[in-house]
Amino acid sequence: MGNNNRKRIHQLALLSILTSLALILSYVEAVLPPIFSAIPAVKLGFPNILIIFILYRMGTKEAAAVSFLRIALSALLFGNPITFIYSFAGAFLSLTVMAILKKTNLFSTVGVSIAGGILHNLGQILVAMLLLGTSEIGYYMVVLAFTGTLAGFFIGLCGAFLIRQVDI
């Protein structure tokens, strides 16, 4: 077996493990009581710690693959088609912007994560506006921008820690 094949098999195995960990974090987040019970639809986004790690350590394609596989499996195992649509929209917008910001080298891991948190919420609000046929729900983005900033900060700190501590 050539060195290139070994490297690809190693990367596939690592991405499989990271996908499994992200799925476990999704499940844990799903069964925990809401952190901000007074604020509907607010989660910290624990799986995104791994997405930030993968984005910085492996690349955009790998982060996207893990993110979208985790979303599909989460919806299949403990969600529904609507949770898939909301999660996919948020993750797509978030990951797109995070990859662009990372490439500029103008933002720290925490800054990239904060942008991801806000854009994830924006993607979900846009889907809600489309599905519900109303733009009034857009006003909720004010709350979600604040919570997305807080969650993005926390996730970015955790992701930065992993990036520094874990060598792959």
Protein backbone atom coordinates (compact mmCIF):
# COMPACT_ATOMS: atom_id res chain seq x y z
CA MET A 1 0.00 0.00 0.00
CA GLY A 2 1.42 3.37 -1.03
CA ASN A 3 2.07 6.25 1.33
CA ASN A 4 -0.68 8.31 -0.34
CA ASN A 5 -3.25 5.56 0.29
CA ARG A 6 -2.22 5.31 3.94
CA LYS A 7 -2.58 9.05 4.33
CA ARG A 8 -6.06 9.03 2.77
CA ILE A 9 -7.17 6.09 4.91
CA HIS A 10 -5.83 7.84 8.02
CA GLN A 11 -7.68 11.03 7.09
CA LEU A 12 -10.92 9.14 6.39
CA ALA A 13 -10.68 7.32 9.72
CA LEU A 14 -10.01 10.60 11.53
CA LEU A 15 -12.93 12.33 9.82
CA SER A 16 -15.16 9.38 10.74
CA ILE A 17 -14.17 9.68 14.39
CA LEU A 18 -14.69 13.45 14.34
CA THR A 19 -18.11 12.99 12.70
CA SER A 20 -19.05 10.50 15.42
CA LEU A 21 -17.92 12.93 18.12
CA ALA A 22 -19.91 15.74 16.50
CA LEU A 23 -22.98 13.49 16.40
CA ILE A 24 -22.53 12.64 20.08
CA LEU A 25 -22.24 16.35 20.92
CA SER A 26 -25.43 16.98 18.91
CA TYR A 27 -27.25 14.33 20.90
CA VAL A 28 -25.98 15.69 24.22
CA GLU A 29 -27.11 19.17 23.21
CA ALA A 30 -30.51 17.82 22.12
CA VAL A 31 -31.22 16.12 25.44
CA LEU A 32 -29.95 18.93 27.68
CA PRO A 33 -32.53 21.38 28.89
CA PRO A 34 -32.33 24.70 27.04
CA ILE A 35 -29.58 26.89 28.49
CA PHE A 36 -31.58 30.06 28.02
CA SER A 37 -35.08 28.73 28.61
CA ALA A 38 -36.49 32.22 28.24
CA ILE A 39 -34.98 32.47 24.74
CA PRO A 40 -36.42 29.91 22.29
CA ALA A 41 -34.15 28.15 19.79
CA VAL A 42 -30.89 29.11 21.50
CA LYS A 43 -28.15 26.48 21.70
CA LEU A 44 -24.42 26.75 22.22
CA GLY A 45 -23.61 24.59 19.21
CA PHE A 46 -21.17 22.15 20.82
CA PRO A 47 -20.55 20.24 17.54
CA ASN A 48 -19.16 23.44 16.05
CA ILE A 49 -16.10 23.14 18.28
CA LEU A 50 -15.11 20.22 16.08
CA ILE A 51 -16.08 22.05 12.88
CA ILE A 52 -13.77 24.95 13.80
CA PHE A 53 -11.02 22.47 14.61
CA ILE A 54 -11.44 20.66 11.30
CA LEU A 55 -11.67 23.92 9.34
CA TYR A 56 -8.33 25.08 10.73
CA ARG A 57 -6.50 21.75 10.89
CA MET A 58 -7.78 19.93 7.79
CA GLY A 59 -9.61 22.33 5.49
CA THR A 60 -12.95 23.61 4.27
CA LYS A 61 -14.00 20.50 2.33
CA GLU A 62 -13.40 18.29 5.33
CA ALA A 63 -15.23 20.68 7.69
CA ALA A 64 -18.18 20.83 5.28
CA ALA A 65 -18.30 17.04 4.92
CA VAL A 66 -18.33 16.47 8.69
CA SER A 67 -20.81 19.28 9.29
CA PHE A 68 -23.33 18.15 6.71
CA LEU A 69 -23.00 14.46 7.52
CA ARG A 70 -23.54 15.25 11.20
CA ILE A 71 -26.61 17.35 10.36
CA ALA A 72 -28.11 14.61 8.18
CA LEU A 73 -27.48 11.91 10.78
CA SER A 74 -28.82 14.09 13.61
CA ALA A 75 -32.01 14.80 11.70
CA LEU A 76 -32.40 11.13 10.88
CA LEU A 77 -31.71 9.85 14.39
CA PHE A 78 -33.28 12.46 16.67
CA GLY A 79 -34.79 15.15 14.51
CA ASN A 80 -37.01 15.51 11.49
CA PRO A 81 -36.92 16.97 7.97
CA ILE A 82 -37.63 20.47 9.28
CA THR A 83 -34.71 20.36 11.72
CA PHE A 84 -32.55 19.21 8.81
CA ILE A 85 -33.62 22.19 6.68
CA TYR A 86 -32.98 24.70 9.46
CA SER A 87 -29.65 23.16 10.45
CA PHE A 88 -28.45 22.80 6.86
CA ALA A 89 -29.25 26.42 6.02
CA GLY A 90 -27.53 27.70 9.14
CA ALA A 91 -24.48 25.48 8.66
CA PHE A 92 -24.14 26.30 4.97
CA LEU A 93 -24.19 30.05 5.51
CA SER A 94 -22.02 29.82 8.62
CA LEU A 95 -19.37 27.57 7.12
CA THR A 96 -19.21 29.58 3.90
CA VAL A 97 -18.51 32.81 5.77
CA MET A 98 -16.12 31.16 8.24
CA ALA A 99 -14.08 29.67 5.38
CA ILE A 100 -13.87 33.07 3.66
CA LEU A 101 -12.89 34.89 6.87
CA LYS A 102 -10.30 32.24 7.75
CA LYS A 103 -8.72 32.61 4.32
CA THR A 104 -8.26 36.36 4.82
CA ASN A 105 -6.11 35.80 7.94
CA LEU A 106 -7.65 38.99 9.36
CA PHE A 107 -9.61 37.31 12.14
CA SER A 108 -8.74 35.07 15.04
CA THR A 109 -10.34 31.68 15.48
CA VAL A 110 -12.70 33.32 17.97
CA GLY A 111 -13.62 36.07 15.49
CA VAL A 112 -14.29 33.52 12.76
CA SER A 113 -16.42 31.49 15.17
CA ILE A 114 -18.43 34.53 16.27
CA ALA A 115 -19.20 35.33 12.63
CA GLY A 116 -20.19 31.68 12.17
CA GLY A 117 -22.52 31.80 15.17
CA ILE A 118 -24.28 34.91 13.92
CA LEU A 119 -24.53 33.67 10.33
CA HIS A 120 -25.83 30.29 11.47
CA ASN A 121 -28.70 32.07 13.19
CA LEU A 122 -29.26 34.29 10.14
CA GLY A 123 -29.54 31.22 7.91
CA GLN A 124 -32.14 29.74 10.22
CA ILE A 125 -34.10 32.99 10.40
CA LEU A 126 -34.14 33.21 6.58
CA VAL A 127 -35.52 29.66 6.39
CA ALA A 128 -38.15 30.49 9.02
CA MET A 129 -39.17 33.59 7.08
CA LEU A 130 -39.50 31.49 3.91
CA LEU A 131 -41.38 28.58 5.54
CA LEU A 132 -43.68 30.76 7.62
CA GLY A 133 -44.22 33.33 4.88
CA THR A 134 -43.53 36.28 7.12
CA SER A 135 -40.71 38.76 7.47
CA GLU A 136 -41.70 39.78 11.01
CA ILE A 137 -39.71 36.90 12.46
CA GLY A 138 -36.63 38.74 11.17
CA TYR A 139 -36.84 41.00 14.21
CA TYR A 140 -35.83 37.98 16.32
CA MET A 141 -32.42 38.24 14.67
CA VAL A 142 -31.55 40.98 17.14
CA VAL A 143 -31.76 38.46 19.98
CA LEU A 144 -30.08 35.73 17.95
CA ALA A 145 -27.20 38.03 16.93
CA PHE A 146 -26.46 38.58 20.61
CA THR A 147 -26.72 34.91 21.56
CA GLY A 148 -24.82 33.91 18.40
CA THR A 149 -22.00 36.23 19.46
CA LEU A 150 -21.84 34.70 22.93
CA ALA A 151 -22.03 31.13 21.65
CA GLY A 152 -19.52 31.88 18.88
CA PHE A 153 -17.11 33.31 21.42
CA PHE A 154 -17.34 30.21 23.62
CA ILE A 155 -17.10 27.80 20.66
CA GLY A 156 -14.18 29.77 19.23
CA LEU A 157 -12.27 29.60 22.51
CA CYS A 158 -12.83 25.85 22.74
CA GLY A 159 -11.89 25.38 19.09
CA ALA A 160 -8.72 27.45 19.49
CA PHE A 161 -7.77 25.35 22.51
CA LEU A 162 -8.22 22.14 20.51
CA ILE A 163 -6.22 23.54 17.60
CA ARG A 164 -3.32 24.33 19.92
CA GLN A 165 -3.46 21.10 21.92
CA VAL A 166 -4.35 18.38 19.42
CA ASP A 167 -1.89 17.43 16.71
CA ILE A 168 -3.32 15.40 13.86
